[in-house]
PDB file of N, CA and C in Angstrom:
ATOM      1  N   UNK A   1     -18.779 -63.337  11.205  1.00  0.00           N
ATOM      2  CA  UNK A   1     -18.515 -64.626  10.644  1.00  0.00           C
ATOM      3  C   UNK A   1     -17.136 -64.580   9.912  1.00  0.00           C
ATOM      4  N   UNK A   2     -16.871 -63.516   9.160  1.00  0.00           N
ATOM      5  CA  UNK A   2     -15.628 -63.360   8.476  1.00  0.00           C
ATOM      6  C   UNK A   2     -14.478 -63.336   9.459  1.00  0.00           C
ATOM      7  N   UNK A   3     -14.623 -62.500  10.518  1.00  0.00           N
ATOM      8  CA  UNK A   3     -13.596 -62.393  11.534  1.00  0.00           C
ATOM      9  C   UNK A   3     -13.281 -63.766  12.159  1.00  0.00           C
ATOM     10  N   UNK A   4     -14.324 -64.544  12.422  1.00  0.00           N
ATOM     11  CA  UNK A   4     -14.100 -65.851  12.998  1.00  0.00           C
ATOM     12  C   UNK A   4     -13.251 -66.721  12.093  1.00  0.00           C
ATOM     13  N   UNK A   5     -13.527 -66.696  10.788  1.00  0.00           N
ATOM     14  CA  UNK A   5     -12.782 -67.477   9.844  1.00  0.00           C
ATOM     15  C   UNK A   5     -11.328 -67.022   9.785  1.00  0.00           C
ATOM     16  N   UNK A   6     -11.120 -65.704   9.835  1.00  0.00           N
ATOM     17  CA  UNK A   6      -9.740 -65.186   9.747  1.00  0.00           C
ATOM     18  C   UNK A   6      -9.027 -65.506  11.058  1.00  0.00           C
ATOM     19  N   UNK A   7      -9.678 -65.422  12.181  1.00  0.00           N
ATOM     20  CA  UNK A   7      -9.042 -65.780  13.457  1.00  0.00           C
ATOM     21  C   UNK A   7      -8.664 -67.235  13.503  1.00  0.00           C
ATOM     22  N   UNK A   8      -9.533 -68.082  12.992  1.00  0.00           N
ATOM     23  CA  UNK A   8      -9.264 -69.521  12.973  1.00  0.00           C
ATOM     24  C   UNK A   8      -8.021 -69.782  12.120  1.00  0.00           C
ATOM     25  N   UNK A   9      -7.954 -69.154  10.936  1.00  0.00           N
ATOM     26  CA  UNK A   9      -6.806 -69.341  10.092  1.00  0.00           C
ATOM     27  C   UNK A   9      -5.550 -68.841  10.757  1.00  0.00           C
ATOM     28  N   UNK A  10      -5.617 -67.685  11.377  1.00  0.00           N
ATOM     29  CA  UNK A  10      -4.426 -67.126  12.039  1.00  0.00           C
ATOM     30  C   UNK A  10      -3.982 -68.033  13.172  1.00  0.00           C
ATOM     31  N   UNK A  11      -4.927 -68.687  13.896  1.00  0.00           N
ATOM     32  CA  UNK A  11      -4.537 -69.625  14.962  1.00  0.00           C
ATOM     33  C   UNK A  11      -3.799 -70.819  14.368  1.00  0.00           C
ATOM     34  N   UNK A  12      -4.210 -71.311  13.225  1.00  0.00           N
ATOM     35  CA  UNK A  12      -3.563 -72.407  12.546  1.00  0.00           C
ATOM     36  C   UNK A  12      -2.130 -71.954  12.153  1.00  0.00           C
ATOM     37  N   UNK A  13      -2.017 -70.785  11.593  1.00  0.00           N
ATOM     38  CA  UNK A  13      -0.719 -70.265  11.166  1.00  0.00           C
ATOM     39  C   UNK A  13       0.184 -70.118  12.405  1.00  0.00           C
ATOM     40  N   UNK A  14      -0.275 -69.531  13.441  1.00  0.00           N
ATOM     41  CA  UNK A  14       0.527 -69.323  14.656  1.00  0.00           C
ATOM     42  C   UNK A  14       0.979 -70.639  15.226  1.00  0.00           C
ATOM     43  N   UNK A  15       0.044 -71.561  15.391  1.00  0.00           N
ATOM     44  CA  UNK A  15       0.409 -72.905  15.914  1.00  0.00           C
ATOM     45  C   UNK A  15       1.418 -73.632  15.058  1.00  0.00           C
ATOM     46  N   UNK A  16       1.201 -73.539  13.772  1.00  0.00           N
ATOM     47  CA  UNK A  16       2.152 -74.193  12.812  1.00  0.00           C
ATOM     48  C   UNK A  16       3.562 -73.605  12.907  1.00  0.00           C
ATOM     49  N   UNK A  17       3.627 -72.287  12.935  1.00  0.00           N
ATOM     50  CA  UNK A  17       4.943 -71.653  13.003  1.00  0.00           C
ATOM     51  C   UNK A  17       5.617 -71.949  14.343  1.00  0.00           C
ATOM     52  N   UNK A  18       4.888 -71.855  15.440  1.00  0.00           N
ATOM     53  CA  UNK A  18       5.460 -72.193  16.735  1.00  0.00           C
ATOM     54  C   UNK A  18       5.941 -73.641  16.842  1.00  0.00           C
ATOM     55  N   UNK A  19       5.165 -74.522  16.250  1.00  0.00           N
ATOM     56  CA  UNK A  19       5.507 -75.943  16.251  1.00  0.00           C
ATOM     57  C   UNK A  19       6.822 -76.159  15.474  1.00  0.00           C
ATOM     58  N   UNK A  20       6.886 -75.554  14.293  1.00  0.00           N
ATOM     59  CA  UNK A  20       8.096 -75.709  13.449  1.00  0.00           C
ATOM     60  C   UNK A  20       9.290 -75.071  14.127  1.00  0.00           C
ATOM     61  N   UNK A  21       9.064 -73.895  14.736  1.00  0.00           N
ATOM     62  CA  UNK A  21      10.169 -73.170  15.413  1.00  0.00           C
ATOM     63  C   UNK A  21      10.744 -73.974  16.570  1.00  0.00           C
ATOM     64  N   UNK A  22       9.834 -74.502  17.396  1.00  0.00           N
ATOM     65  CA  UNK A  22      10.267 -75.154  18.647  1.00  0.00           C
ATOM     66  C   UNK A  22      10.710 -76.602  18.439  1.00  0.00           C
ATOM     67  N   UNK A  23      10.224 -77.252  17.353  1.00  0.00           N
ATOM     68  CA  UNK A  23      10.494 -78.693  17.201  1.00  0.00           C
ATOM     69  C   UNK A  23      11.140 -79.060  15.860  1.00  0.00           C
ATOM     70  N   UNK A  24      11.791 -78.109  15.204  1.00  0.00           N
ATOM     71  CA  UNK A  24      12.368 -78.326  13.896  1.00  0.00           C
ATOM     72  C   UNK A  24      13.148 -79.615  13.802  1.00  0.00           C
ATOM     73  N   UNK A  25      14.126 -79.828  14.753  1.00  0.00           N
ATOM     74  CA  UNK A  25      14.977 -80.975  14.669  1.00  0.00           C
ATOM     75  C   UNK A  25      14.248 -82.277  14.960  1.00  0.00           C
ATOM     76  N   UNK A  26      13.141 -82.190  15.739  1.00  0.00           N
ATOM     77  CA  UNK A  26      12.396 -83.397  16.083  1.00  0.00           C
ATOM     78  C   UNK A  26      11.350 -83.828  15.012  1.00  0.00           C
ATOM     79  N   UNK A  27      11.089 -82.933  14.063  1.00  0.00           N
ATOM     80  CA  UNK A  27      10.014 -83.229  13.067  1.00  0.00           C
ATOM     81  C   UNK A  27      10.634 -83.903  11.851  1.00  0.00           C
ATOM     82  N   UNK A  28      10.010 -84.977  11.445  1.00  0.00           N
ATOM     83  CA  UNK A  28      10.477 -85.579  10.183  1.00  0.00           C
ATOM     84  C   UNK A  28      10.124 -84.637   9.001  1.00  0.00           C
ATOM     85  N   UNK A  29      10.849 -84.719   7.909  1.00  0.00           N
ATOM     86  CA  UNK A  29      10.609 -83.794   6.783  1.00  0.00           C
ATOM     87  C   UNK A  29       9.145 -83.809   6.277  1.00  0.00           C
ATOM     88  N   UNK A  30       8.509 -84.953   6.289  1.00  0.00           N
ATOM     89  CA  UNK A  30       7.154 -85.037   5.789  1.00  0.00           C
ATOM     90  C   UNK A  30       6.173 -84.265   6.746  1.00  0.00           C
ATOM     91  N   UNK A  31       6.440 -84.273   8.009  1.00  0.00           N
ATOM     92  CA  UNK A  31       5.627 -83.522   8.994  1.00  0.00           C
ATOM     93  C   UNK A  31       5.886 -82.016   8.818  1.00  0.00           C
ATOM     94  N   UNK A  32       7.124 -81.570   8.608  1.00  0.00           N
ATOM     95  CA  UNK A  32       7.450 -80.190   8.357  1.00  0.00           C
ATOM     96  C   UNK A  32       6.759 -79.704   7.048  1.00  0.00           C
ATOM     97  N   UNK A  33       6.823 -80.524   6.005  1.00  0.00           N
ATOM     98  CA  UNK A  33       6.105 -80.234   4.742  1.00  0.00           C
ATOM     99  C   UNK A  33       4.629 -80.023   4.991  1.00  0.00           C
ATOM    100  N   UNK A  34       4.020 -80.936   5.739  1.00  0.00           N
ATOM    101  CA  UNK A  34       2.601 -80.851   6.049  1.00  0.00           C
ATOM    102  C   UNK A  34       2.249 -79.549   6.768  1.00  0.00           C
ATOM    103  N   UNK A  35       3.083 -79.219   7.756  1.00  0.00           N
ATOM    104  CA  UNK A  35       2.851 -77.970   8.495  1.00  0.00           C
ATOM    105  C   UNK A  35       2.982 -76.746   7.622  1.00  0.00           C
ATOM    106  N   UNK A  36       4.045 -76.738   6.787  1.00  0.00           N
ATOM    107  CA  UNK A  36       4.240 -75.561   5.896  1.00  0.00           C
ATOM    108  C   UNK A  36       3.085 -75.457   4.889  1.00  0.00           C
ATOM    109  N   UNK A  37       2.604 -76.594   4.403  1.00  0.00           N
ATOM    110  CA  UNK A  37       1.472 -76.566   3.470  1.00  0.00           C
ATOM    111  C   UNK A  37       0.241 -75.937   4.134  1.00  0.00           C
ATOM    112  N   UNK A  38      -0.031 -76.316   5.383  1.00  0.00           N
ATOM    113  CA  UNK A  38      -1.159 -75.772   6.118  1.00  0.00           C
ATOM    114  C   UNK A  38      -1.003 -74.274   6.381  1.00  0.00           C
ATOM    115  N   UNK A  39       0.228 -73.889   6.738  1.00  0.00           N
ATOM    116  CA  UNK A  39       0.482 -72.487   6.994  1.00  0.00           C
ATOM    117  C   UNK A  39       0.281 -71.698   5.728  1.00  0.00           C
ATOM    118  N   UNK A  40       0.810 -72.186   4.621  1.00  0.00           N
ATOM    119  CA  UNK A  40       0.634 -71.429   3.353  1.00  0.00           C
ATOM    120  C   UNK A  40      -0.810 -71.383   2.883  1.00  0.00           C
ATOM    121  N   UNK A  41      -1.554 -72.486   3.062  1.00  0.00           N
ATOM    122  CA  UNK A  41      -2.945 -72.496   2.706  1.00  0.00           C
ATOM    123  C   UNK A  41      -3.760 -71.489   3.481  1.00  0.00           C
ATOM    124  N   UNK A  42      -3.467 -71.417   4.788  1.00  0.00           N
ATOM    125  CA  UNK A  42      -4.254 -70.494   5.659  1.00  0.00           C
ATOM    126  C   UNK A  42      -3.783 -69.037   5.410  1.00  0.00           C
ATOM    127  N   UNK A  43      -2.516 -68.767   5.174  1.00  0.00           N
ATOM    128  CA  UNK A  43      -2.117 -67.406   4.848  1.00  0.00           C
ATOM    129  C   UNK A  43      -2.705 -66.931   3.544  1.00  0.00           C
ATOM    130  N   UNK A  44      -2.773 -67.846   2.595  1.00  0.00           N
ATOM    131  CA  UNK A  44      -3.425 -67.483   1.335  1.00  0.00           C
ATOM    132  C   UNK A  44      -4.888 -67.181   1.530  1.00  0.00           C
ATOM    133  N   UNK A  45      -5.567 -67.987   2.293  1.00  0.00           N
ATOM    134  CA  UNK A  45      -7.024 -67.735   2.618  1.00  0.00           C
ATOM    135  C   UNK A  45      -7.190 -66.376   3.252  1.00  0.00           C
ATOM    136  N   UNK A  46      -6.370 -66.000   4.247  1.00  0.00           N
ATOM    137  CA  UNK A  46      -6.469 -64.733   4.938  1.00  0.00           C
ATOM    138  C   UNK A  46      -6.233 -63.623   3.988  1.00  0.00           C
ATOM    139  N   UNK A  47      -5.143 -63.753   3.160  1.00  0.00           N
ATOM    140  CA  UNK A  47      -4.811 -62.653   2.253  1.00  0.00           C
ATOM    141  C   UNK A  47      -5.915 -62.445   1.172  1.00  0.00           C
ATOM    142  N   UNK A  48      -6.478 -63.544   0.636  1.00  0.00           N
ATOM    143  CA  UNK A  48      -7.531 -63.414  -0.344  1.00  0.00           C
ATOM    144  C   UNK A  48      -8.814 -62.856   0.260  1.00  0.00           C
ATOM    145  N   UNK A  49      -9.102 -63.249   1.466  1.00  0.00           N
ATOM    146  CA  UNK A  49     -10.304 -62.746   2.154  1.00  0.00           C
ATOM    147  C   UNK A  49     -10.162 -61.224   2.393  1.00  0.00           C
ATOM    148  N   UNK A  50      -8.991 -60.804   2.851  1.00  0.00           N
ATOM    149  CA  UNK A  50      -8.775 -59.375   3.074  1.00  0.00           C
ATOM    150  C   UNK A  50      -8.793 -58.574   1.777  1.00  0.00           C
ATOM    151  N   UNK A  51      -8.259 -59.200   0.693  1.00  0.00           N
ATOM    152  CA  UNK A  51      -8.366 -58.507  -0.609  1.00  0.00           C
ATOM    153  C   UNK A  51      -9.800 -58.344  -1.018  1.00  0.00           C
ATOM    154  N   UNK A  52     -10.612 -59.369  -0.804  1.00  0.00           N
ATOM    155  CA  UNK A  52     -12.052 -59.287  -1.159  1.00  0.00           C
ATOM    156  C   UNK A  52     -12.739 -58.182  -0.365  1.00  0.00           C
ATOM    157  N   UNK A  53     -12.387 -58.119   0.887  1.00  0.00           N
ATOM    158  CA  UNK A  53     -13.017 -57.077   1.777  1.00  0.00           C
ATOM    159  C   UNK A  53     -12.594 -55.681   1.319  1.00  0.00           C
ATOM    160  N   UNK A  54     -11.381 -55.497   0.895  1.00  0.00           N
ATOM    161  CA  UNK A  54     -10.941 -54.147   0.487  1.00  0.00           C
ATOM    162  C   UNK A  54     -11.514 -53.700  -0.810  1.00  0.00           C
ATOM    163  N   UNK A  55     -12.047 -54.587  -1.656  1.00  0.00           N
ATOM    164  CA  UNK A  55     -12.636 -54.234  -2.913  1.00  0.00           C
ATOM    165  C   UNK A  55     -13.866 -53.323  -2.742  1.00  0.00           C
ATOM    166  N   UNK A  56     -14.526 -53.407  -1.593  1.00  0.00           N
ATOM    167  CA  UNK A  56     -15.684 -52.646  -1.323  1.00  0.00           C
ATOM    168  C   UNK A  56     -15.377 -51.305  -0.649  1.00  0.00           C
ATOM    169  N   UNK A  57     -14.079 -50.953  -0.498  1.00  0.00           N
ATOM    170  CA  UNK A  57     -13.739 -49.679   0.176  1.00  0.00           C
ATOM    171  C   UNK A  57     -13.897 -48.531  -0.779  1.00  0.00           C
ATOM    172  N   UNK A  58     -14.089 -47.308  -0.154  1.00  0.00           N
ATOM    173  CA  UNK A  58     -14.182 -46.116  -0.966  1.00  0.00           C
ATOM    174  C   UNK A  58     -12.923 -45.894  -1.803  1.00  0.00           C
ATOM    175  N   UNK A  59     -13.055 -45.171  -2.875  1.00  0.00           N
ATOM    176  CA  UNK A  59     -11.872 -44.894  -3.748  1.00  0.00           C
ATOM    177  C   UNK A  59     -10.772 -44.258  -2.946  1.00  0.00           C
ATOM    178  N   UNK A  60      -9.544 -44.700  -3.151  1.00  0.00           N
ATOM    179  CA  UNK A  60      -8.395 -44.144  -2.470  1.00  0.00           C
ATOM    180  C   UNK A  60      -8.037 -44.890  -1.181  1.00  0.00           C
ATOM    181  N   UNK A  61      -8.998 -45.537  -0.582  1.00  0.00           N
ATOM    182  CA  UNK A  61      -8.672 -46.226   0.706  1.00  0.00           C
ATOM    183  C   UNK A  61      -7.770 -47.409   0.467  1.00  0.00           C
ATOM    184  N   UNK A  62      -7.905 -48.147  -0.597  1.00  0.00           N
ATOM    185  CA  UNK A  62      -6.992 -49.301  -0.844  1.00  0.00           C
ATOM    186  C   UNK A  62      -5.583 -48.838  -0.986  1.00  0.00           C
ATOM    187  N   UNK A  63      -5.364 -47.677  -1.670  1.00  0.00           N
ATOM    188  CA  UNK A  63      -4.032 -47.114  -1.806  1.00  0.00           C
ATOM    189  C   UNK A  63      -3.485 -46.693  -0.457  1.00  0.00           C
ATOM    190  N   UNK A  64      -4.308 -46.154   0.397  1.00  0.00           N
ATOM    191  CA  UNK A  64      -3.836 -45.755   1.716  1.00  0.00           C
ATOM    192  C   UNK A  64      -3.456 -47.006   2.546  1.00  0.00           C
ATOM    193  N   UNK A  65      -4.182 -48.099   2.426  1.00  0.00           N
ATOM    194  CA  UNK A  65      -3.863 -49.314   3.133  1.00  0.00           C
ATOM    195  C   UNK A  65      -2.541 -49.886   2.599  1.00  0.00           C
ATOM    196  N   UNK A  66      -2.314 -49.796   1.284  1.00  0.00           N
ATOM    197  CA  UNK A  66      -1.036 -50.257   0.730  1.00  0.00           C
ATOM    198  C   UNK A  66       0.148 -49.435   1.252  1.00  0.00           C
ATOM    199  N   UNK A  67      -0.075 -48.150   1.351  1.00  0.00           N
ATOM    200  CA  UNK A  67       0.956 -47.234   1.874  1.00  0.00           C
ATOM    201  C   UNK A  67       1.284 -47.596   3.353  1.00  0.00           C
ATOM    202  N   UNK A  68       0.223 -47.859   4.101  1.00  0.00           N
ATOM    203  CA  UNK A  68       0.464 -48.276   5.530  1.00  0.00           C
ATOM    204  C   UNK A  68       1.216 -49.549   5.586  1.00  0.00           C
ATOM    205  N   UNK A  69       0.969 -50.486   4.717  1.00  0.00           N
ATOM    206  CA  UNK A  69       1.653 -51.749   4.660  1.00  0.00           C
ATOM    207  C   UNK A  69       3.156 -51.537   4.382  1.00  0.00           C
ATOM    208  N   UNK A  70       3.462 -50.612   3.501  1.00  0.00           N
ATOM    209  CA  UNK A  70       4.854 -50.339   3.170  1.00  0.00           C
ATOM    210  C   UNK A  70       5.619 -49.692   4.334  1.00  0.00           C
ATOM    211  N   UNK A  71       4.893 -48.968   5.196  1.00  0.00           N
ATOM    212  CA  UNK A  71       5.561 -48.277   6.344  1.00  0.00           C
ATOM    213  C   UNK A  71       5.664 -49.199   7.560  1.00  0.00           C
ATOM    214  N   UNK A  72       5.033 -50.336   7.543  1.00  0.00           N
ATOM    215  CA  UNK A  72       5.002 -51.189   8.722  1.00  0.00           C
ATOM    216  C   UNK A  72       6.437 -51.670   9.019  1.00  0.00           C
ATOM    217  N   UNK A  73       6.831 -51.665  10.263  1.00  0.00           N
ATOM    218  CA  UNK A  73       8.174 -52.139  10.637  1.00  0.00           C
ATOM    219  C   UNK A  73       8.318 -53.628  10.308  1.00  0.00           C
ATOM    220  N   UNK A  74       9.503 -53.967   9.852  1.00  0.00           N
ATOM    221  CA  UNK A  74       9.803 -55.338   9.517  1.00  0.00           C
ATOM    222  C   UNK A  74      11.080 -55.779  10.221  1.00  0.00           C
ATOM    223  N   UNK A  75      11.188 -57.049  10.551  1.00  0.00           N
ATOM    224  CA  UNK A  75      12.471 -57.562  11.051  1.00  0.00           C
ATOM    225  C   UNK A  75      13.396 -57.636   9.851  1.00  0.00           C
ATOM    226  N   UNK A  76      14.681 -57.338  10.013  1.00  0.00           N
ATOM    227  CA  UNK A  76      15.611 -57.426   8.893  1.00  0.00           C
ATOM    228  C   UNK A  76      15.637 -58.842   8.319  1.00  0.00           C
ATOM    229  N   UNK A  77      15.580 -58.943   7.020  1.00  0.00           N
ATOM    230  CA  UNK A  77      15.616 -60.231   6.334  1.00  0.00           C
ATOM    231  C   UNK A  77      14.314 -60.926   6.242  1.00  0.00           C
ATOM    232  N   UNK A  78      13.231 -60.370   6.805  1.00  0.00           N
ATOM    233  CA  UNK A  78      11.911 -61.000   6.729  1.00  0.00           C
ATOM    234  C   UNK A  78      11.183 -60.442   5.545  1.00  0.00           C
ATOM    235  N   UNK A  79      10.557 -61.318   4.766  1.00  0.00           N
ATOM    236  CA  UNK A  79       9.793 -60.850   3.574  1.00  0.00           C
ATOM    237  C   UNK A  79       8.496 -60.236   4.020  1.00  0.00           C
ATOM    238  N   UNK A  80       8.102 -59.121   3.359  1.00  0.00           N
ATOM    239  CA  UNK A  80       6.835 -58.401   3.746  1.00  0.00           C
ATOM    240  C   UNK A  80       5.662 -59.248   3.436  1.00  0.00           C
ATOM    241  N   UNK A  81       5.630 -59.971   2.322  1.00  0.00           N
ATOM    242  CA  UNK A  81       4.549 -60.860   2.011  1.00  0.00           C
ATOM    243  C   UNK A  81       5.116 -61.859   1.008  1.00  0.00           C
ATOM    244  N   UNK A  82       4.359 -62.921   0.766  1.00  0.00           N
ATOM    245  CA  UNK A  82       4.821 -63.895  -0.195  1.00  0.00           C
ATOM    246  C   UNK A  82       4.988 -63.206  -1.528  1.00  0.00           C
ATOM    247  N   UNK A  83       6.140 -63.390  -2.152  1.00  0.00           N
ATOM    248  CA  UNK A  83       6.397 -62.807  -3.437  1.00  0.00           C
ATOM    249  C   UNK A  83       7.169 -61.467  -3.354  1.00  0.00           C
ATOM    250  N   UNK A  84       7.193 -60.819  -2.196  1.00  0.00           N
ATOM    251  CA  UNK A  84       8.004 -59.638  -2.097  1.00  0.00           C
ATOM    252  C   UNK A  84       9.460 -59.980  -1.897  1.00  0.00           C
ATOM    253  N   UNK A  85      10.320 -59.051  -2.336  1.00  0.00           N
ATOM    254  CA  UNK A  85      11.760 -59.233  -2.163  1.00  0.00           C
ATOM    255  C   UNK A  85      12.135 -59.033  -0.694  1.00  0.00           C
ATOM    256  N   UNK A  86      13.106 -59.748  -0.184  1.00  0.00           N
ATOM    257  CA  UNK A  86      13.541 -59.518   1.182  1.00  0.00           C
ATOM    258  C   UNK A  86      14.077 -58.085   1.313  1.00  0.00           C
ATOM    259  N   UNK A  87      14.011 -57.606   2.602  1.00  0.00           N
ATOM    260  CA  UNK A  87      14.526 -56.338   2.935  1.00  0.00           C
ATOM    261  C   UNK A  87      16.012 -56.228   2.711  1.00  0.00           C
TER     262      UNK A  87
END
């Protein structure tokens, strides 16, 4: 059930980003704002859900996951997560 909720949110994020990417000039500002609000709401939901899931991990596992996150390849100039400084 959790995976279904996360997949649903990721589908909303993906569709929103693709729509903004492909139709930026055709979208009125209020529609872009609406799409960005949905994207941010769903990314927040996914992040909070994953944080809740990691709270039940054995000691040390959360630190290992954080280290894996830091080693993950990033596109230049892309922020790792909301609130992180750009590369």
